[in-house]
Amino acid sequence: RFETLQRIAKETIGVVSSGISHIDRNLTSLLKTSKRIYNGTSVIKSISAKESALEKMLTSDICFDPSNHCE
């Protein structure tokens, strides 16, 4: 009887620890994906900011042209 309980306890611990490591792997994978998404978003924001700055530069250059009458 004690041996049966011991075997059940070992099996239960095995299943639980296997489940925990599975959850851990999933969380790690999710974290990596989140980091990739965050990095991707940062890159997009950076490109967008540079594009906006470039657009302003080009527009202001045109405006400084004496032949062009923009304010």
Protein backbone atom coordinates (compact mmCIF):
# COMPACT_ATOMS: atom_id res chain seq x y z
CA ARG A 1 0.00 0.00 0.00
CA PHE A 2 2.78 2.44 0.94
CA GLU A 3 4.69 1.54 -2.24
CA THR A 4 1.58 2.26 -4.30
CA LEU A 5 1.21 5.67 -2.66
CA GLN A 6 4.90 6.33 -3.22
CA ARG A 7 4.59 5.39 -6.92
CA ILE A 8 1.50 7.59 -7.34
CA ALA A 9 3.30 10.48 -5.62
CA LYS A 10 6.33 10.08 -7.91
CA GLU A 11 4.12 9.94 -11.00
CA THR A 12 2.17 12.99 -9.85
CA ILE A 13 5.36 14.93 -9.20
CA GLY A 14 6.65 13.88 -12.63
CA VAL A 15 3.48 15.05 -14.37
CA VAL A 16 3.40 18.32 -12.43
CA SER A 17 7.07 19.13 -13.09
CA SER A 18 6.62 18.21 -16.77
CA GLY A 19 3.61 20.56 -16.91
CA ILE A 20 5.57 23.33 -15.21
CA SER A 21 8.50 23.02 -17.62
CA HIS A 22 6.04 23.01 -20.55
CA ILE A 23 4.45 26.22 -19.24
CA ASP A 24 7.93 27.68 -18.70
CA ARG A 25 8.89 26.93 -22.33
CA ASN A 26 5.67 28.51 -23.57
CA LEU A 27 6.23 31.64 -21.47
CA THR A 28 9.82 31.90 -22.69
CA SER A 29 8.64 31.60 -26.28
CA LEU A 30 5.93 34.21 -25.67
CA LEU A 31 8.49 36.55 -24.12
CA LYS A 32 10.80 36.19 -27.14
CA THR A 33 7.88 36.89 -29.49
CA SER A 34 6.91 39.94 -27.42
CA LYS A 35 10.48 41.24 -27.61
CA ARG A 36 10.51 40.76 -31.38
CA ILE A 37 7.21 42.61 -31.71
CA TYR A 38 8.49 45.42 -29.46
CA ASN A 39 11.74 45.68 -31.43
CA GLY A 40 9.80 45.67 -34.69
CA THR A 41 7.55 48.44 -33.40
CA SER A 42 10.60 50.47 -32.35
CA VAL A 43 12.12 50.07 -35.81
CA ILE A 44 8.86 51.17 -37.46
CA LYS A 45 8.64 54.21 -35.12
CA SER A 46 12.27 55.07 -35.87
CA ILE A 47 11.73 54.83 -39.63
CA SER A 48 8.56 56.89 -39.35
CA ALA A 49 10.35 59.58 -37.31
CA LYS A 50 13.22 59.74 -39.82
CA GLU A 51 10.79 59.91 -42.70
CA SER A 52 8.92 62.75 -41.00
CA ALA A 53 12.16 64.65 -40.29
CA LEU A 54 13.31 64.17 -43.88
CA GLU A 55 9.97 65.42 -45.16
CA LYS A 56 10.25 68.55 -42.98
CA MET A 57 13.80 69.16 -44.19
CA LEU A 58 12.78 68.87 -47.82
CA THR A 59 9.77 71.12 -47.32
CA SER A 60 11.79 73.76 -45.47
CA ASP A 61 14.49 73.72 -48.17
CA ILE A 62 11.84 74.45 -50.77
CA CYS A 63 10.48 77.25 -48.61
CA PHE A 64 13.90 78.87 -48.27
CA ASP A 65 14.16 79.04 -52.04
CA PRO A 66 13.69 82.76 -52.93
CA SER A 67 11.84 81.89 -56.15
CA ASN A 68 9.20 80.06 -54.13
CA HIS A 69 6.67 82.18 -52.21
CA CYS A 70 5.76 79.89 -49.35
CA GLU A 71 5.72 81.05 -45.75
